[in-house]
Amino acid sequence: MSGNAPMQTSGLKVTALAVSDLAKLLSKSAGKPVTAEMIRYDIEAGAPVNADGTVNLVHYAAWLAKETASRGD
């Protein structure tokens, strides 16, 4: 594969995921259910969202890590 060849993606943009898509992605990677309702609860608790209501996976993960650390989990 050439260094200049475009990478194939799944069509998901990790910087702008719909809450439902984020829940599916996290469920598959975590090996346990993550629901859209769980993510909406986090958003209500202060998790960052984009102006259009989508979620940046990196920002969300950083927020989760910060929240977990502050609780001492």
C-alpha atoms as a PDB file:
ATOM      1  CA  MET A   1       0.000   0.000   0.000  1.00  0.00           C
ATOM      2  CA  SER A   2       1.379   3.391  -0.989  1.00  0.00           C
ATOM      3  CA  GLY A   3       1.957   6.041   1.656  1.00  0.00           C
ATOM      4  CA  ASN A   4      -0.250   8.371  -0.391  1.00  0.00           C
ATOM      5  CA  ALA A   5      -3.236   6.025  -0.670  1.00  0.00           C
ATOM      6  CA  PRO A   6      -6.380   7.231   1.129  1.00  0.00           C
ATOM      7  CA  MET A   7      -7.414   5.220   4.165  1.00  0.00           C
ATOM      8  CA  GLN A   8     -10.754   3.451   4.080  1.00  0.00           C
ATOM      9  CA  THR A   9     -13.049   4.443   6.935  1.00  0.00           C
ATOM     10  CA  SER A  10     -16.274   3.026   8.260  1.00  0.00           C
ATOM     11  CA  GLY A  11     -18.106   6.269   7.579  1.00  0.00           C
ATOM     12  CA  LEU A  12     -18.009   7.350  11.209  1.00  0.00           C
ATOM     13  CA  LYS A  13     -16.343  10.616  12.100  1.00  0.00           C
ATOM     14  CA  VAL A  14     -14.942  10.232  15.625  1.00  0.00           C
ATOM     15  CA  THR A  15     -15.017  13.997  16.112  1.00  0.00           C
ATOM     16  CA  ALA A  16     -18.764  14.170  15.432  1.00  0.00           C
ATOM     17  CA  LEU A  17     -20.653  11.039  16.456  1.00  0.00           C
ATOM     18  CA  ALA A  18     -24.384  10.860  16.991  1.00  0.00           C
ATOM     19  CA  VAL A  19     -25.163   9.705  20.528  1.00  0.00           C
ATOM     20  CA  SER A  20     -26.642   6.463  19.184  1.00  0.00           C
ATOM     21  CA  ASP A  21     -23.525   5.750  17.097  1.00  0.00           C
ATOM     22  CA  LEU A  22     -21.281   6.502  20.070  1.00  0.00           C
ATOM     23  CA  ALA A  23     -23.284   4.066  22.197  1.00  0.00           C
ATOM     24  CA  LYS A  24     -22.891   1.320  19.574  1.00  0.00           C
ATOM     25  CA  LEU A  25     -19.170   1.972  19.217  1.00  0.00           C
ATOM     26  CA  LEU A  26     -18.557   1.971  22.964  1.00  0.00           C
ATOM     27  CA  SER A  27     -20.668  -1.158  23.458  1.00  0.00           C
ATOM     28  CA  LYS A  28     -18.622  -3.058  20.890  1.00  0.00           C
ATOM     29  CA  SER A  29     -15.276  -1.885  22.240  1.00  0.00           C
ATOM     30  CA  ALA A  30     -16.151  -2.175  25.943  1.00  0.00           C
ATOM     31  CA  GLY A  31     -17.673  -5.622  25.686  1.00  0.00           C
ATOM     32  CA  LYS A  32     -20.651  -4.523  27.754  1.00  0.00           C
ATOM     33  CA  PRO A  33     -23.773  -2.543  26.923  1.00  0.00           C
ATOM     34  CA  VAL A  34     -23.497   1.229  26.701  1.00  0.00           C
ATOM     35  CA  THR A  35     -26.821   2.852  25.911  1.00  0.00           C
ATOM     36  CA  ALA A  36     -27.666   6.190  24.380  1.00  0.00           C
ATOM     37  CA  GLU A  37     -29.488   6.969  27.634  1.00  0.00           C
ATOM     38  CA  MET A  38     -26.257   6.454  29.590  1.00  0.00           C
ATOM     39  CA  ILE A  39     -24.455   8.897  27.316  1.00  0.00           C
ATOM     40  CA  ARG A  40     -27.302  11.427  27.531  1.00  0.00           C
ATOM     41  CA  TYR A  41     -27.045  11.195  31.329  1.00  0.00           C
ATOM     42  CA  ASP A  42     -23.328  12.003  31.031  1.00  0.00           C
ATOM     43  CA  ILE A  43     -24.132  14.959  28.763  1.00  0.00           C
ATOM     44  CA  GLU A  44     -26.594  16.271  31.345  1.00  0.00           C
ATOM     45  CA  ALA A  45     -23.830  15.864  33.937  1.00  0.00           C
ATOM     46  CA  GLY A  46     -21.462  18.009  31.874  1.00  0.00           C
ATOM     47  CA  ALA A  47     -19.898  15.795  29.203  1.00  0.00           C
ATOM     48  CA  PRO A  48     -18.844  17.919  26.227  1.00  0.00           C
ATOM     49  CA  VAL A  49     -20.924  18.012  23.060  1.00  0.00           C
ATOM     50  CA  ASN A  50     -20.499  19.772  19.751  1.00  0.00           C
ATOM     51  CA  ALA A  51     -22.802  22.651  18.815  1.00  0.00           C
ATOM     52  CA  ASP A  52     -24.821  20.287  16.597  1.00  0.00           C
ATOM     53  CA  GLY A  53     -25.387  17.787  19.425  1.00  0.00           C
ATOM     54  CA  THR A  54     -22.828  15.263  18.225  1.00  0.00           C
ATOM     55  CA  VAL A  55     -20.038  14.000  20.473  1.00  0.00           C
ATOM     56  CA  ASN A  56     -16.281  14.055  19.900  1.00  0.00           C
ATOM     57  CA  LEU A  57     -15.052  10.641  21.049  1.00  0.00           C
ATOM     58  CA  VAL A  58     -11.676  11.969  22.228  1.00  0.00           C
ATOM     59  CA  HIS A  59     -13.233  14.808  24.242  1.00  0.00           C
ATOM     60  CA  TYR A  60     -15.819  12.456  25.729  1.00  0.00           C
ATOM     61  CA  ALA A  61     -13.158   9.907  26.716  1.00  0.00           C
ATOM     62  CA  ALA A  62     -11.075  12.654  28.337  1.00  0.00           C
ATOM     63  CA  TRP A  63     -14.124  13.861  30.264  1.00  0.00           C
ATOM     64  CA  LEU A  64     -14.879  10.305  31.434  1.00  0.00           C
ATOM     65  CA  ALA A  65     -11.268   9.855  32.583  1.00  0.00           C
ATOM     66  CA  LYS A  66     -11.403  13.134  34.508  1.00  0.00           C
ATOM     67  CA  GLU A  67     -14.716  12.218  36.135  1.00  0.00           C
ATOM     68  CA  THR A  68     -13.458   8.763  37.073  1.00  0.00           C
ATOM     69  CA  ALA A  69     -10.272  10.219  38.580  1.00  0.00           C
ATOM     70  CA  SER A  70     -12.179  12.827  40.584  1.00  0.00           C
ATOM     71  CA  ARG A  71     -14.400  10.099  42.092  1.00  0.00           C
ATOM     72  CA  GLY A  72     -11.419   7.948  42.950  1.00  0.00           C
ATOM     73  CA  ASP A  73     -12.657   4.965  40.906  1.00  0.00           C
END
